[in-house]
């Protein structure tokens, strides 16, 4: 079983799109897979309870019929920083409680298991701990999603250096072209490609801007999945 932690350079870098696409890619290649979204803020009330669209994608593209709470143990309503949303909901959020809540998901058997963070690498869990601390306790290789837009070189290099400083390995990176109007996009991509290559970080694919894509439709998600591969 191959297990990874996926993070992004910032909020809206496209972490969940890439997570779902990687899960879909695994299934298309004949492998079993499981996606875990430990914390999800920005959720809505449904007939089944509080649900987050990102976590629903993890559920949809994972193998088997597994209940929602195993994919997303901490579901928060406000679309704000998780530690603030948890405080407002009266939920204790720290590494120990999060690891305990995630155990049913972390013990799922699959060829590929992917745990997706929230926001960027250093999103707080409380006043003293961050999701980076949680990732360090998981001790899994990291996949970094770089949202290509103005400032992405700085964000990518800072995030990668911080991940390595924590003692974790970066298994690979994905370029996600989120800004269709970005000036000098290819030049930025070229710099990042050589920067990561110089540090022996595998390029897992480049996803172009795909306006109007519905990630809940597998035939559309296949357009993303075909551009990606899992770390070797």
C-alpha atoms as a PDB file:
ATOM      1  CA  UNK A   1       0.000   0.000   0.000  1.00  0.00           C
ATOM      2  CA  UNK A   2       1.308   3.430  -0.984  1.00  0.00           C
ATOM      3  CA  UNK A   3       0.264   6.300   1.285  1.00  0.00           C
ATOM      4  CA  UNK A   4       0.717  10.022   0.721  1.00  0.00           C
ATOM      5  CA  UNK A   5      -0.190  13.367   2.269  1.00  0.00           C
ATOM      6  CA  UNK A   6      -1.271  16.027  -0.249  1.00  0.00           C
ATOM      7  CA  UNK A   7      -0.943  19.753   0.388  1.00  0.00           C
ATOM      8  CA  UNK A   8      -1.015  22.929  -1.673  1.00  0.00           C
ATOM      9  CA  UNK A   9       0.788  26.227  -1.959  1.00  0.00           C
ATOM     10  CA  UNK A  10      -2.330  28.063  -0.778  1.00  0.00           C
ATOM     11  CA  UNK A  11      -6.097  27.940  -0.509  1.00  0.00           C
ATOM     12  CA  UNK A  12      -7.670  27.341  -3.943  1.00  0.00           C
ATOM     13  CA  UNK A  13      -4.489  25.874  -5.407  1.00  0.00           C
ATOM     14  CA  UNK A  14      -6.624  22.948  -6.571  1.00  0.00           C
ATOM     15  CA  UNK A  15      -5.782  20.336  -3.936  1.00  0.00           C
ATOM     16  CA  UNK A  16      -9.132  18.563  -4.067  1.00  0.00           C
ATOM     17  CA  UNK A  17      -9.318  18.520  -7.865  1.00  0.00           C
ATOM     18  CA  UNK A  18      -5.885  16.906  -7.983  1.00  0.00           C
ATOM     19  CA  UNK A  19      -6.699  14.542  -5.098  1.00  0.00           C
ATOM     20  CA  UNK A  20      -9.873  13.330  -6.779  1.00  0.00           C
ATOM     21  CA  UNK A  21      -8.103  13.021 -10.126  1.00  0.00           C
ATOM     22  CA  UNK A  22      -5.301  10.950  -8.607  1.00  0.00           C
ATOM     23  CA  UNK A  23      -7.848   8.654  -6.952  1.00  0.00           C
ATOM     24  CA  UNK A  24      -9.669   8.359 -10.270  1.00  0.00           C
ATOM     25  CA  UNK A  25      -6.380   7.642 -12.038  1.00  0.00           C
ATOM     26  CA  UNK A  26      -5.651   4.826  -9.586  1.00  0.00           C
ATOM     27  CA  UNK A  27      -9.067   3.281 -10.232  1.00  0.00           C
ATOM     28  CA  UNK A  28      -8.718   3.640 -14.014  1.00  0.00           C
ATOM     29  CA  UNK A  29      -5.376   1.832 -13.758  1.00  0.00           C
ATOM     30  CA  UNK A  30      -7.063  -1.038 -11.907  1.00  0.00           C
ATOM     31  CA  UNK A  31      -5.969  -0.189  -8.370  1.00  0.00           C
ATOM     32  CA  UNK A  32      -7.981   0.240  -5.191  1.00  0.00           C
ATOM     33  CA  UNK A  33      -7.798   3.645  -3.536  1.00  0.00           C
ATOM     34  CA  UNK A  34      -9.015   5.614  -0.536  1.00  0.00           C
ATOM     35  CA  UNK A  35      -9.187   9.365  -0.001  1.00  0.00           C
ATOM     36  CA  UNK A  36      -9.224  11.010   3.424  1.00  0.00           C
ATOM     37  CA  UNK A  37     -10.095  14.646   4.143  1.00  0.00           C
ATOM     38  CA  UNK A  38      -9.440  14.954   7.897  1.00  0.00           C
ATOM     39  CA  UNK A  39     -10.862  18.483   8.257  1.00  0.00           C
ATOM     40  CA  UNK A  40     -13.298  20.230   5.938  1.00  0.00           C
ATOM     41  CA  UNK A  41     -14.702  23.688   6.583  1.00  0.00           C
ATOM     42  CA  UNK A  42     -17.320  25.222   4.330  1.00  0.00           C
ATOM     43  CA  UNK A  43     -20.030  22.554   4.559  1.00  0.00           C
ATOM     44  CA  UNK A  44     -23.778  22.480   4.013  1.00  0.00           C
ATOM     45  CA  UNK A  45     -26.722  20.821   5.711  1.00  0.00           C
ATOM     46  CA  UNK A  46     -28.185  17.929   3.718  1.00  0.00           C
ATOM     47  CA  UNK A  47     -30.721  15.189   4.400  1.00  0.00           C
ATOM     48  CA  UNK A  48     -27.776  12.987   5.421  1.00  0.00           C
ATOM     49  CA  UNK A  49     -26.243  15.629   7.701  1.00  0.00           C
ATOM     50  CA  UNK A  50     -23.472  18.191   7.320  1.00  0.00           C
ATOM     51  CA  UNK A  51     -21.555  17.544   4.091  1.00  0.00           C
ATOM     52  CA  UNK A  52     -18.532  19.133   2.400  1.00  0.00           C
ATOM     53  CA  UNK A  53     -18.199  18.996  -1.390  1.00  0.00           C
ATOM     54  CA  UNK A  54     -14.445  18.312  -1.281  1.00  0.00           C
ATOM     55  CA  UNK A  55     -14.932  15.346   1.026  1.00  0.00           C
ATOM     56  CA  UNK A  56     -17.779  14.062  -1.150  1.00  0.00           C
ATOM     57  CA  UNK A  57     -15.319  13.887  -4.039  1.00  0.00           C
ATOM     58  CA  UNK A  58     -12.995  11.762  -1.898  1.00  0.00           C
ATOM     59  CA  UNK A  59     -15.920   9.488  -1.148  1.00  0.00           C
ATOM     60  CA  UNK A  60     -17.003   9.264  -4.789  1.00  0.00           C
ATOM     61  CA  UNK A  61     -13.592   8.404  -6.222  1.00  0.00           C
ATOM     62  CA  UNK A  62     -12.536   5.963  -3.509  1.00  0.00           C
ATOM     63  CA  UNK A  63     -13.001   2.236  -3.927  1.00  0.00           C
ATOM     64  CA  UNK A  64     -16.017   0.627  -2.294  1.00  0.00           C
ATOM     65  CA  UNK A  65     -18.988   2.109  -0.485  1.00  0.00           C
ATOM     66  CA  UNK A  66     -17.559   3.636   2.685  1.00  0.00           C
ATOM     67  CA  UNK A  67     -19.568   5.932   4.922  1.00  0.00           C
ATOM     68  CA  UNK A  68     -18.941   9.659   4.681  1.00  0.00           C
ATOM     69  CA  UNK A  69     -17.640  10.125   8.245  1.00  0.00           C
ATOM     70  CA  UNK A  70     -14.694   7.818   7.537  1.00  0.00           C
ATOM     71  CA  UNK A  71     -13.632  10.013   4.631  1.00  0.00           C
ATOM     72  CA  UNK A  72     -14.208  13.246   6.578  1.00  0.00           C
ATOM     73  CA  UNK A  73     -14.259  12.872  10.384  1.00  0.00           C
ATOM     74  CA  UNK A  74     -14.233  16.639  11.146  1.00  0.00           C
ATOM     75  CA  UNK A  75     -16.879  18.525   9.154  1.00  0.00           C
ATOM     76  CA  UNK A  76     -17.302  22.225   9.896  1.00  0.00           C
ATOM     77  CA  UNK A  77     -19.988  24.577   8.555  1.00  0.00           C
ATOM     78  CA  UNK A  78     -18.310  28.011   8.096  1.00  0.00           C
ATOM     79  CA  UNK A  79     -16.006  28.491   5.097  1.00  0.00           C
ATOM     80  CA  UNK A  80     -13.241  29.957   7.253  1.00  0.00           C
ATOM     81  CA  UNK A  81      -9.924  28.800   8.722  1.00  0.00           C
ATOM     82  CA  UNK A  82     -10.489  25.378  10.327  1.00  0.00           C
ATOM     83  CA  UNK A  83      -9.204  26.347  13.793  1.00  0.00           C
ATOM     84  CA  UNK A  84     -11.655  29.280  13.920  1.00  0.00           C
ATOM     85  CA  UNK A  85     -14.548  27.193  12.564  1.00  0.00           C
ATOM     86  CA  UNK A  86     -13.779  24.486  15.134  1.00  0.00           C
ATOM     87  CA  UNK A  87     -13.682  27.013  17.964  1.00  0.00           C
ATOM     88  CA  UNK A  88     -17.056  28.419  16.896  1.00  0.00           C
ATOM     89  CA  UNK A  89     -18.499  24.887  16.780  1.00  0.00           C
ATOM     90  CA  UNK A  90     -17.056  23.958  20.162  1.00  0.00           C
ATOM     91  CA  UNK A  91     -14.854  21.253  18.621  1.00  0.00           C
ATOM     92  CA  UNK A  92     -11.468  20.546  20.200  1.00  0.00           C
ATOM     93  CA  UNK A  93      -8.910  20.500  17.407  1.00  0.00           C
ATOM     94  CA  UNK A  94      -5.369  19.266  17.976  1.00  0.00           C
ATOM     95  CA  UNK A  95      -3.046  16.647  16.553  1.00  0.00           C
ATOM     96  CA  UNK A  96      -3.977  14.000  19.105  1.00  0.00           C
ATOM     97  CA  UNK A  97      -7.749  14.387  18.664  1.00  0.00           C
ATOM     98  CA  UNK A  98      -7.410  14.567  14.875  1.00  0.00           C
ATOM     99  CA  UNK A  99      -5.305  11.415  14.688  1.00  0.00           C
ATOM    100  CA  UNK A 100      -7.873   9.608  16.813  1.00  0.00           C
ATOM    101  CA  UNK A 101     -10.764  10.821  14.651  1.00  0.00           C
ATOM    102  CA  UNK A 102      -8.913   9.746  11.491  1.00  0.00           C
ATOM    103  CA  UNK A 103      -8.078   6.198  12.620  1.00  0.00           C
ATOM    104  CA  UNK A 104     -11.005   4.533  10.797  1.00  0.00           C
ATOM    105  CA  UNK A 105      -9.813   6.176   7.579  1.00  0.00           C
ATOM    106  CA  UNK A 106      -6.094   5.692   8.128  1.00  0.00           C
ATOM    107  CA  UNK A 107      -6.599   1.944   8.600  1.00  0.00           C
ATOM    108  CA  UNK A 108      -8.519   1.458   5.349  1.00  0.00           C
ATOM    109  CA  UNK A 109      -6.903  -1.111   3.059  1.00  0.00           C
ATOM    110  CA  UNK A 110      -6.166   0.142  -0.462  1.00  0.00           C
ATOM    111  CA  UNK A 111      -3.374   0.106  -3.019  1.00  0.00           C
ATOM    112  CA  UNK A 112      -3.227   3.912  -2.800  1.00  0.00           C
ATOM    113  CA  UNK A 113      -4.274   6.019   0.177  1.00  0.00           C
ATOM    114  CA  UNK A 114      -4.304   9.808  -0.007  1.00  0.00           C
ATOM    115  CA  UNK A 115      -4.784  12.231   2.885  1.00  0.00           C
ATOM    116  CA  UNK A 116      -5.569  15.808   1.814  1.00  0.00           C
ATOM    117  CA  UNK A 117      -4.773  18.784   4.006  1.00  0.00           C
ATOM    118  CA  UNK A 118      -6.713  22.043   4.238  1.00  0.00           C
ATOM    119  CA  UNK A 119      -5.524  25.372   2.829  1.00  0.00           C
ATOM    120  CA  UNK A 120      -1.728  25.582   2.761  1.00  0.00           C
ATOM    121  CA  UNK A 121       0.985  23.717   4.654  1.00  0.00           C
ATOM    122  CA  UNK A 122       0.906  25.779   7.859  1.00  0.00           C
ATOM    123  CA  UNK A 123      -2.847  26.074   8.431  1.00  0.00           C
ATOM    124  CA  UNK A 124      -3.407  26.233  12.233  1.00  0.00           C
ATOM    125  CA  UNK A 125      -5.198  23.565  14.238  1.00  0.00           C
ATOM    126  CA  UNK A 126      -5.022  25.691  17.380  1.00  0.00           C
ATOM    127  CA  UNK A 127      -2.753  28.348  18.882  1.00  0.00           C
ATOM    128  CA  UNK A 128       0.291  26.062  18.967  1.00  0.00           C
ATOM    129  CA  UNK A 129      -0.194  23.283  16.373  1.00  0.00           C
ATOM    130  CA  UNK A 130      -0.659  23.281  12.601  1.00  0.00           C
ATOM    131  CA  UNK A 131      -1.665  20.745   9.960  1.00  0.00           C
ATOM    132  CA  UNK A 132       2.056  20.433   9.247  1.00  0.00           C
ATOM    133  CA  UNK A 133       2.468  18.966  12.748  1.00  0.00           C
ATOM    134  CA  UNK A 134      -0.302  16.494  11.934  1.00  0.00           C
ATOM    135  CA  UNK A 135       1.426  15.551   8.660  1.00  0.00           C
ATOM    136  CA  UNK A 136       4.711  15.015  10.493  1.00  0.00           C
ATOM    137  CA  UNK A 137       2.980  12.617  12.881  1.00  0.00           C
ATOM    138  CA  UNK A 138       1.514  10.726   9.917  1.00  0.00           C
ATOM    139  CA  UNK A 139       5.072  10.563   8.493  1.00  0.00           C
ATOM    140  CA  UNK A 140       4.037  10.119   4.860  1.00  0.00           C
ATOM    141  CA  UNK A 141       5.663  11.376   1.655  1.00  0.00           C
ATOM    142  CA  UNK A 142       4.083  14.640   0.524  1.00  0.00           C
ATOM    143  CA  UNK A 143       2.545  15.554  -2.826  1.00  0.00           C
ATOM    144  CA  UNK A 144       2.620  19.319  -3.402  1.00  0.00           C
ATOM    145  CA  UNK A 145       0.029  21.017  -5.627  1.00  0.00           C
ATOM    146  CA  UNK A 146       1.301  24.320  -7.024  1.00  0.00           C
ATOM    147  CA  UNK A 147      -1.468  26.673  -8.120  1.00  0.00           C
ATOM    148  CA  UNK A 148       0.085  28.562 -11.026  1.00  0.00           C
ATOM    149  CA  UNK A 149      -0.633  32.268 -10.652  1.00  0.00           C
ATOM    150  CA  UNK A 150       1.306  35.429  -9.843  1.00  0.00           C
ATOM    151  CA  UNK A 151       3.557  34.664  -6.862  1.00  0.00           C
ATOM    152  CA  UNK A 152       3.480  30.899  -7.331  1.00  0.00           C
ATOM    153  CA  UNK A 153       7.269  30.519  -7.602  1.00  0.00           C
ATOM    154  CA  UNK A 154       7.785  32.088  -4.186  1.00  0.00           C
ATOM    155  CA  UNK A 155       4.894  30.144  -2.646  1.00  0.00           C
ATOM    156  CA  UNK A 156       6.094  26.851  -4.120  1.00  0.00           C
ATOM    157  CA  UNK A 157       9.725  27.239  -3.078  1.00  0.00           C
ATOM    158  CA  UNK A 158       8.860  28.419   0.432  1.00  0.00           C
ATOM    159  CA  UNK A 159       6.386  25.565   0.920  1.00  0.00           C
ATOM    160  CA  UNK A 160       8.773  22.930  -0.428  1.00  0.00           C
ATOM    161  CA  UNK A 161      11.628  24.165   1.767  1.00  0.00           C
ATOM    162  CA  UNK A 162       9.371  24.186   4.839  1.00  0.00           C
ATOM    163  CA  UNK A 163       8.165  20.641   4.132  1.00  0.00           C
ATOM    164  CA  UNK A 164      11.752  19.418   3.816  1.00  0.00           C
ATOM    165  CA  UNK A 165      12.768  21.280   6.980  1.00  0.00           C
ATOM    166  CA  UNK A 166      10.088  19.332   8.841  1.00  0.00           C
ATOM    167  CA  UNK A 167      11.857  16.104   7.924  1.00  0.00           C
ATOM    168  CA  UNK A 168       9.341  14.857   5.371  1.00  0.00           C
ATOM    169  CA  UNK A 169      10.042  13.802   1.800  1.00  0.00           C
ATOM    170  CA  UNK A 170       8.327  15.507  -1.138  1.00  0.00           C
ATOM    171  CA  UNK A 171       7.284  12.593  -3.348  1.00  0.00           C
ATOM    172  CA  UNK A 172       6.217  14.795  -6.237  1.00  0.00           C
ATOM    173  CA  UNK A 173       4.613  18.026  -7.342  1.00  0.00           C
ATOM    174  CA  UNK A 174       1.744  18.971  -9.650  1.00  0.00           C
ATOM    175  CA  UNK A 175       1.415  22.211 -11.606  1.00  0.00           C
ATOM    176  CA  UNK A 176      -2.215  23.326 -11.682  1.00  0.00           C
ATOM    177  CA  UNK A 177      -2.903  26.231 -14.070  1.00  0.00           C
ATOM    178  CA  UNK A 178      -5.613  27.980 -12.066  1.00  0.00           C
ATOM    179  CA  UNK A 179      -5.198  31.441 -13.615  1.00  0.00           C
ATOM    180  CA  UNK A 180      -5.923  31.456 -17.382  1.00  0.00           C
ATOM    181  CA  UNK A 181      -4.680  35.046 -17.670  1.00  0.00           C
ATOM    182  CA  UNK A 182      -1.359  34.532 -15.919  1.00  0.00           C
ATOM    183  CA  UNK A 183       1.450  36.408 -17.676  1.00  0.00           C
ATOM    184  CA  UNK A 184       4.540  34.358 -18.600  1.00  0.00           C
ATOM    185  CA  UNK A 185       2.923  31.145 -17.399  1.00  0.00           C
ATOM    186  CA  UNK A 186       5.254  28.896 -19.401  1.00  0.00           C
ATOM    187  CA  UNK A 187       8.319  30.755 -18.140  1.00  0.00           C
ATOM    188  CA  UNK A 188       7.116  30.298 -14.547  1.00  0.00           C
ATOM    189  CA  UNK A 189       6.424  26.621 -15.191  1.00  0.00           C
ATOM    190  CA  UNK A 190       9.835  26.174 -16.769  1.00  0.00           C
ATOM    191  CA  UNK A 191      11.555  27.683 -13.711  1.00  0.00           C
ATOM    192  CA  UNK A 192       9.606  25.516 -11.263  1.00  0.00           C
ATOM    193  CA  UNK A 193      10.269  22.393 -13.307  1.00  0.00           C
ATOM    194  CA  UNK A 194      14.024  22.895 -13.184  1.00  0.00           C
ATOM    195  CA  UNK A 195      13.948  24.016  -9.532  1.00  0.00           C
ATOM    196  CA  UNK A 196      12.170  20.840  -8.396  1.00  0.00           C
ATOM    197  CA  UNK A 197      14.224  18.626 -10.719  1.00  0.00           C
ATOM    198  CA  UNK A 198      17.420  19.983  -9.144  1.00  0.00           C
ATOM    199  CA  UNK A 199      16.076  18.722  -5.806  1.00  0.00           C
ATOM    200  CA  UNK A 200      15.051  15.312  -7.171  1.00  0.00           C
ATOM    201  CA  UNK A 201      11.327  16.012  -6.778  1.00  0.00           C
ATOM    202  CA  UNK A 202       9.262  14.207  -9.398  1.00  0.00           C
ATOM    203  CA  UNK A 203       6.897  16.203 -11.648  1.00  0.00           C
ATOM    204  CA  UNK A 204       3.589  14.311 -11.513  1.00  0.00           C
ATOM    205  CA  UNK A 205       1.907  16.332 -14.248  1.00  0.00           C
ATOM    206  CA  UNK A 206       0.614  19.702 -15.399  1.00  0.00           C
ATOM    207  CA  UNK A 207      -3.120  20.380 -15.466  1.00  0.00           C
ATOM    208  CA  UNK A 208      -4.253  23.174 -17.816  1.00  0.00           C
ATOM    209  CA  UNK A 209      -7.047  25.574 -16.955  1.00  0.00           C
ATOM    210  CA  UNK A 210     -10.262  23.610 -17.528  1.00  0.00           C
ATOM    211  CA  UNK A 211     -13.220  26.029 -17.226  1.00  0.00           C
ATOM    212  CA  UNK A 212     -16.597  24.546 -16.419  1.00  0.00           C
ATOM    213  CA  UNK A 213     -15.357  21.087 -15.515  1.00  0.00           C
ATOM    214  CA  UNK A 214     -17.694  19.184 -13.202  1.00  0.00           C
ATOM    215  CA  UNK A 215     -15.466  17.102 -10.916  1.00  0.00           C
ATOM    216  CA  UNK A 216     -18.404  14.899  -9.917  1.00  0.00           C
ATOM    217  CA  UNK A 217     -18.665  13.585 -13.484  1.00  0.00           C
ATOM    218  CA  UNK A 218     -16.078  10.822 -13.963  1.00  0.00           C
ATOM    219  CA  UNK A 219     -15.882  11.306 -17.725  1.00  0.00           C
ATOM    220  CA  UNK A 220     -14.860  14.923 -17.169  1.00  0.00           C
ATOM    221  CA  UNK A 221     -12.536  14.101 -14.304  1.00  0.00           C
ATOM    222  CA  UNK A 222     -10.770  11.662 -16.633  1.00  0.00           C
ATOM    223  CA  UNK A 223      -9.492  14.712 -18.555  1.00  0.00           C
ATOM    224  CA  UNK A 224      -7.548  15.666 -15.428  1.00  0.00           C
ATOM    225  CA  UNK A 225      -6.579  12.139 -14.414  1.00  0.00           C
ATOM    226  CA  UNK A 226      -4.989  11.397 -17.785  1.00  0.00           C
ATOM    227  CA  UNK A 227      -2.509  14.231 -17.227  1.00  0.00           C
ATOM    228  CA  UNK A 228      -1.298  12.897 -13.865  1.00  0.00           C
ATOM    229  CA  UNK A 229       0.568   9.941 -12.474  1.00  0.00           C
ATOM    230  CA  UNK A 230       1.302   8.758  -8.946  1.00  0.00           C
ATOM    231  CA  UNK A 231       4.832   9.077  -7.542  1.00  0.00           C
ATOM    232  CA  UNK A 232       7.182   6.270  -8.565  1.00  0.00           C
END
